């Protein structure tokens, strides 16, 4: 099973807190620095936020209390919007390690 994640309105609160952090930290820095973090909140053609990019912000080890509050808001905003069932195939190598078998015709 593979869950499809979405975010609720608390993500906007997290984005506001992150923007405030960036404004405080980068008052004398180039604007490109803000663009790097704000890129995580860009929407695709369908108007959806890339969950992997937003969740990637949580991996950053920033110990500022406001940043931590924003990361908590991101965590609380995660909603499971659906699930998909799929099958994966693996083969074992000579060392007994499992190696995934790609069934993607375009990848072959």
C-alpha atoms as a PDB file:
ATOM      1  CA  UNK A   1       0.000   0.000   0.000  1.00  0.00           C
ATOM      2  CA  UNK A   2       1.183   3.480  -0.771  1.00  0.00           C
ATOM      3  CA  UNK A   3      -0.491   6.536   0.747  1.00  0.00           C
ATOM      4  CA  UNK A   4      -1.080   9.762  -1.157  1.00  0.00           C
ATOM      5  CA  UNK A   5      -0.373  12.760   1.052  1.00  0.00           C
ATOM      6  CA  UNK A   6      -1.950  16.195   0.988  1.00  0.00           C
ATOM      7  CA  UNK A   7      -1.778  19.201   3.290  1.00  0.00           C
ATOM      8  CA  UNK A   8      -4.522  21.118   5.043  1.00  0.00           C
ATOM      9  CA  UNK A   9      -4.699  24.853   5.840  1.00  0.00           C
ATOM     10  CA  UNK A  10      -2.015  24.569   8.547  1.00  0.00           C
ATOM     11  CA  UNK A  11       0.549  24.444   5.752  1.00  0.00           C
ATOM     12  CA  UNK A  12      -0.178  28.128   5.064  1.00  0.00           C
ATOM     13  CA  UNK A  13       0.591  28.907   8.713  1.00  0.00           C
ATOM     14  CA  UNK A  14       3.888  27.035   8.386  1.00  0.00           C
ATOM     15  CA  UNK A  15       4.702  28.961   5.209  1.00  0.00           C
ATOM     16  CA  UNK A  16       4.057  32.285   6.957  1.00  0.00           C
ATOM     17  CA  UNK A  17       6.315  31.347   9.885  1.00  0.00           C
ATOM     18  CA  UNK A  18       9.049  30.196   7.487  1.00  0.00           C
ATOM     19  CA  UNK A  19       8.770  33.467   5.550  1.00  0.00           C
ATOM     20  CA  UNK A  20       9.179  35.414   8.807  1.00  0.00           C
ATOM     21  CA  UNK A  21      12.243  33.326   9.703  1.00  0.00           C
ATOM     22  CA  UNK A  22      13.775  33.955   6.291  1.00  0.00           C
ATOM     23  CA  UNK A  23      13.071  37.686   6.540  1.00  0.00           C
ATOM     24  CA  UNK A  24      14.817  37.814   9.919  1.00  0.00           C
ATOM     25  CA  UNK A  25      17.779  35.652   8.932  1.00  0.00           C
ATOM     26  CA  UNK A  26      18.422  37.115   5.515  1.00  0.00           C
ATOM     27  CA  UNK A  27      17.919  40.844   5.970  1.00  0.00           C
ATOM     28  CA  UNK A  28      21.361  41.515   4.433  1.00  0.00           C
ATOM     29  CA  UNK A  29      21.496  38.444   2.195  1.00  0.00           C
ATOM     30  CA  UNK A  30      20.722  38.085  -1.475  1.00  0.00           C
ATOM     31  CA  UNK A  31      17.071  37.364  -2.379  1.00  0.00           C
ATOM     32  CA  UNK A  32      18.070  34.073  -4.042  1.00  0.00           C
ATOM     33  CA  UNK A  33      18.402  32.482  -0.594  1.00  0.00           C
ATOM     34  CA  UNK A  34      14.706  33.022   0.070  1.00  0.00           C
ATOM     35  CA  UNK A  35      13.892  31.564  -3.326  1.00  0.00           C
ATOM     36  CA  UNK A  36      15.538  28.269  -2.372  1.00  0.00           C
ATOM     37  CA  UNK A  37      13.187  27.646   0.543  1.00  0.00           C
ATOM     38  CA  UNK A  38      10.133  29.234  -1.045  1.00  0.00           C
ATOM     39  CA  UNK A  39      10.570  26.843  -3.978  1.00  0.00           C
ATOM     40  CA  UNK A  40       9.244  24.065  -1.742  1.00  0.00           C
ATOM     41  CA  UNK A  41       5.831  25.763  -1.723  1.00  0.00           C
ATOM     42  CA  UNK A  42       5.476  26.218  -5.496  1.00  0.00           C
ATOM     43  CA  UNK A  43       2.481  24.516  -7.086  1.00  0.00           C
ATOM     44  CA  UNK A  44       2.536  22.376 -10.213  1.00  0.00           C
ATOM     45  CA  UNK A  45       0.304  22.728 -13.284  1.00  0.00           C
ATOM     46  CA  UNK A  46      -2.540  20.995 -11.468  1.00  0.00           C
ATOM     47  CA  UNK A  47      -2.261  23.442  -8.553  1.00  0.00           C
ATOM     48  CA  UNK A  48      -0.794  20.881  -6.158  1.00  0.00           C
ATOM     49  CA  UNK A  49       2.182  21.352  -3.868  1.00  0.00           C
ATOM     50  CA  UNK A  50       5.030  18.854  -4.202  1.00  0.00           C
ATOM     51  CA  UNK A  51       4.847  16.957  -0.916  1.00  0.00           C
ATOM     52  CA  UNK A  52       8.413  15.674  -1.169  1.00  0.00           C
ATOM     53  CA  UNK A  53       9.832  19.212  -1.343  1.00  0.00           C
ATOM     54  CA  UNK A  54       7.770  20.427   1.612  1.00  0.00           C
ATOM     55  CA  UNK A  55       8.601  17.376   3.697  1.00  0.00           C
ATOM     56  CA  UNK A  56      12.265  17.873   2.773  1.00  0.00           C
ATOM     57  CA  UNK A  57      12.239  21.080   4.824  1.00  0.00           C
ATOM     58  CA  UNK A  58      11.714  18.965   7.943  1.00  0.00           C
ATOM     59  CA  UNK A  59      15.071  17.263   7.363  1.00  0.00           C
ATOM     60  CA  UNK A  60      16.933  20.547   7.777  1.00  0.00           C
ATOM     61  CA  UNK A  61      18.498  20.753  11.214  1.00  0.00           C
ATOM     62  CA  UNK A  62      17.590  24.304  12.168  1.00  0.00           C
ATOM     63  CA  UNK A  63      17.164  24.837  15.886  1.00  0.00           C
ATOM     64  CA  UNK A  64      15.388  28.199  15.803  1.00  0.00           C
ATOM     65  CA  UNK A  65      12.155  27.997  17.878  1.00  0.00           C
ATOM     66  CA  UNK A  66      10.075  29.646  15.137  1.00  0.00           C
ATOM     67  CA  UNK A  67      11.440  27.237  12.529  1.00  0.00           C
ATOM     68  CA  UNK A  68      10.580  24.330  14.827  1.00  0.00           C
ATOM     69  CA  UNK A  69       7.046  25.733  15.199  1.00  0.00           C
ATOM     70  CA  UNK A  70       6.748  25.834  11.392  1.00  0.00           C
ATOM     71  CA  UNK A  71       7.973  22.241  11.091  1.00  0.00           C
ATOM     72  CA  UNK A  72       5.388  21.183  13.677  1.00  0.00           C
ATOM     73  CA  UNK A  73       2.685  22.948  11.656  1.00  0.00           C
ATOM     74  CA  UNK A  74       3.830  21.050   8.532  1.00  0.00           C
ATOM     75  CA  UNK A  75       3.685  17.758  10.430  1.00  0.00           C
ATOM     76  CA  UNK A  76       0.197  18.512  11.724  1.00  0.00           C
ATOM     77  CA  UNK A  77      -1.025  19.568   8.273  1.00  0.00           C
ATOM     78  CA  UNK A  78      -0.282  16.198   6.651  1.00  0.00           C
ATOM     79  CA  UNK A  79      -3.442  14.385   5.588  1.00  0.00           C
ATOM     80  CA  UNK A  80      -3.764  11.035   3.809  1.00  0.00           C
ATOM     81  CA  UNK A  81      -5.889  11.744   0.754  1.00  0.00           C
ATOM     82  CA  UNK A  82      -5.849   8.240  -0.694  1.00  0.00           C
ATOM     83  CA  UNK A  83      -4.082   4.911  -0.925  1.00  0.00           C
ATOM     84  CA  UNK A  84      -2.880   2.782  -3.817  1.00  0.00           C
ATOM     85  CA  UNK A  85      -2.145  -0.892  -3.859  1.00  0.00           C
ATOM     86  CA  UNK A  86       0.838  -2.051  -5.889  1.00  0.00           C
ATOM     87  CA  UNK A  87       3.176  -5.001  -6.272  1.00  0.00           C
ATOM     88  CA  UNK A  88       6.959  -4.838  -6.218  1.00  0.00           C
ATOM     89  CA  UNK A  89       9.265  -7.559  -7.454  1.00  0.00           C
ATOM     90  CA  UNK A  90      12.732  -8.267  -6.117  1.00  0.00           C
ATOM     91  CA  UNK A  91      15.486 -10.734  -6.858  1.00  0.00           C
ATOM     92  CA  UNK A  92      18.281 -11.846  -4.577  1.00  0.00           C
ATOM     93  CA  UNK A  93      21.887 -11.449  -5.561  1.00  0.00           C
ATOM     94  CA  UNK A  94      24.665 -13.870  -4.639  1.00  0.00           C
ATOM     95  CA  UNK A  95      25.086 -12.117  -1.254  1.00  0.00           C
ATOM     96  CA  UNK A  96      21.414 -12.522  -0.394  1.00  0.00           C
ATOM     97  CA  UNK A  97      20.609  -8.829  -0.851  1.00  0.00           C
ATOM     98  CA  UNK A  98      17.280  -7.925  -2.429  1.00  0.00           C
ATOM     99  CA  UNK A  99      17.486  -5.951  -5.656  1.00  0.00           C
ATOM    100  CA  UNK A 100      14.297  -4.329  -6.990  1.00  0.00           C
ATOM    101  CA  UNK A 101      13.213  -5.334 -10.475  1.00  0.00           C
ATOM    102  CA  UNK A 102      11.944  -2.424 -12.558  1.00  0.00           C
ATOM    103  CA  UNK A 103       8.870  -3.238 -14.600  1.00  0.00           C
ATOM    104  CA  UNK A 104       8.832   0.218 -16.174  1.00  0.00           C
ATOM    105  CA  UNK A 105       9.120  -0.347 -19.912  1.00  0.00           C
ATOM    106  CA  UNK A 106      10.541   3.151 -20.436  1.00  0.00           C
ATOM    107  CA  UNK A 107      13.342   2.427 -17.940  1.00  0.00           C
ATOM    108  CA  UNK A 108      14.548  -0.700 -19.745  1.00  0.00           C
END
